[in-house]
Amino acid sequence: MFISSAYAQAAAGGDTQSTLMGLLPLVLMFVVLYFVMIRPQLKRQKEHKAMVEALAKGDEVATAGGLLGRVTKIGDVYLGVELGDGMEVQMQRSAVVQVLPKGTMK
């Protein structure tokens, strides 16, 4: 009777080294996820924000919908984009995916 209760108490205490070794794979997985997924995504978001803020009149852009146009008006949230002769649309600044080199549209 005394031996079994003493054995049960010793087993319930646990070992701190085994607990740390059990958490090591979780910490390692988070570090790998950070460098593989989170960090590149934050970098892309930062680059896109800088590109959208640097837009100017006359820039040729490609939109998320696949349209190519030339920026004619710039507002805080919206842009005026000329798609063709006399055809101008308004779109959100965030819809611009890429600024094209000058002379792409002819």
Protein backbone atom coordinates (compact mmCIF):
# COMPACT_ATOMS: atom_id res chain seq x y z
CA MET A 1 0.00 0.00 0.00
CA PHE A 2 2.76 2.49 0.85
CA ILE A 3 4.90 1.58 -2.11
CA SER A 4 2.18 2.03 -4.74
CA SER A 5 1.19 5.50 -3.51
CA ALA A 6 4.82 6.66 -3.40
CA TYR A 7 5.33 5.38 -6.93
CA ALA A 8 2.22 7.22 -8.13
CA GLN A 9 3.39 10.50 -6.62
CA ALA A 10 6.81 10.26 -8.24
CA ALA A 11 5.30 9.61 -11.66
CA ALA A 12 2.85 12.53 -11.40
CA GLY A 13 5.65 15.08 -10.83
CA GLY A 14 6.88 14.89 -14.44
CA ASP A 15 10.21 15.93 -15.83
CA THR A 16 10.85 19.51 -17.00
CA GLN A 17 13.34 18.37 -19.63
CA SER A 18 10.78 16.09 -21.27
CA THR A 19 8.24 18.95 -21.24
CA LEU A 20 10.70 21.26 -23.01
CA MET A 21 11.55 18.56 -25.53
CA GLY A 22 7.81 18.13 -26.17
CA LEU A 23 7.43 21.86 -26.94
CA LEU A 24 10.52 22.01 -29.14
CA PRO A 25 8.77 20.70 -32.30
CA LEU A 26 5.99 23.29 -31.92
CA VAL A 27 8.47 26.14 -31.53
CA LEU A 28 10.51 24.87 -34.45
CA MET A 29 7.38 24.59 -36.61
CA PHE A 30 6.39 28.20 -35.80
CA VAL A 31 9.88 29.46 -36.69
CA VAL A 32 9.78 27.64 -40.03
CA LEU A 33 6.27 28.97 -40.78
CA TYR A 34 7.41 32.49 -39.98
CA PHE A 35 10.34 32.39 -42.41
CA VAL A 36 8.51 30.44 -45.14
CA MET A 37 5.06 32.05 -45.11
CA ILE A 38 4.60 35.06 -42.85
CA ARG A 39 7.76 37.05 -43.58
CA PRO A 40 7.49 36.91 -47.41
CA GLN A 41 3.80 37.87 -47.23
CA LEU A 42 4.58 40.92 -45.10
CA LYS A 43 7.35 41.90 -47.52
CA ARG A 44 4.96 41.65 -50.52
CA GLN A 45 2.33 43.74 -48.71
CA LYS A 46 4.91 46.41 -47.91
CA GLU A 47 6.12 46.54 -51.54
CA HIS A 48 2.55 46.76 -52.89
CA LYS A 49 1.67 49.58 -50.49
CA ALA A 50 4.77 51.55 -51.54
CA MET A 51 3.95 51.00 -55.23
CA VAL A 52 0.35 52.19 -54.82
CA GLU A 53 1.42 55.26 -52.86
CA ALA A 54 3.98 56.17 -55.55
CA LEU A 55 1.45 56.19 -58.42
CA ALA A 56 1.44 59.38 -60.48
CA LYS A 57 -0.49 60.79 -63.42
CA GLY A 58 0.58 59.23 -66.69
CA ASP A 59 1.73 55.92 -65.17
CA GLU A 60 0.67 52.87 -67.12
CA VAL A 61 -0.80 50.20 -64.85
CA ALA A 62 -2.19 46.68 -64.89
CA THR A 63 -5.18 46.00 -62.64
CA ALA A 64 -6.29 42.94 -60.71
CA GLY A 65 -8.98 42.39 -63.35
CA GLY A 66 -6.40 42.25 -66.14
CA LEU A 67 -7.09 45.69 -67.60
CA LEU A 68 -4.29 47.92 -68.84
CA GLY A 69 -4.66 51.66 -68.58
CA ARG A 70 -3.05 55.03 -68.00
CA VAL A 71 -3.64 56.91 -64.72
CA THR A 72 -5.41 60.22 -65.37
CA LYS A 73 -6.74 61.23 -61.94
CA ILE A 74 -5.46 60.43 -58.49
CA GLY A 75 -7.49 60.55 -55.30
CA ASP A 76 -6.97 59.24 -51.79
CA VAL A 77 -8.84 55.99 -52.39
CA TYR A 78 -9.75 56.01 -56.10
CA LEU A 79 -7.90 56.43 -59.39
CA GLY A 80 -9.13 57.53 -62.77
CA VAL A 81 -7.73 55.15 -65.37
CA GLU A 82 -8.06 55.67 -69.12
CA LEU A 83 -8.47 52.31 -70.81
CA GLY A 84 -8.76 53.59 -74.35
CA ASP A 85 -9.58 56.73 -76.32
CA GLY A 86 -12.27 58.50 -74.32
CA MET A 87 -12.94 55.51 -72.04
CA GLU A 88 -12.13 56.28 -68.44
CA VAL A 89 -13.04 54.27 -65.35
CA GLN A 90 -12.65 54.82 -61.65
CA MET A 91 -11.14 52.08 -59.54
CA GLN A 92 -9.66 51.59 -56.13
CA ARG A 93 -5.95 52.23 -55.76
CA SER A 94 -5.49 48.77 -54.25
CA ALA A 95 -6.72 47.18 -57.50
CA VAL A 96 -3.48 48.18 -59.22
CA VAL A 97 -1.25 45.11 -59.40
CA GLN A 98 1.68 46.38 -61.44
CA VAL A 99 3.10 49.60 -62.82
CA LEU A 100 4.14 48.97 -66.41
CA PRO A 101 7.16 50.51 -68.15
CA LYS A 102 6.46 53.70 -70.11
CA GLY A 103 5.35 53.05 -73.67
CA THR A 104 3.84 49.62 -73.02
CA MET A 105 0.42 50.82 -74.16
CA LYS A 106 0.23 52.19 -77.68
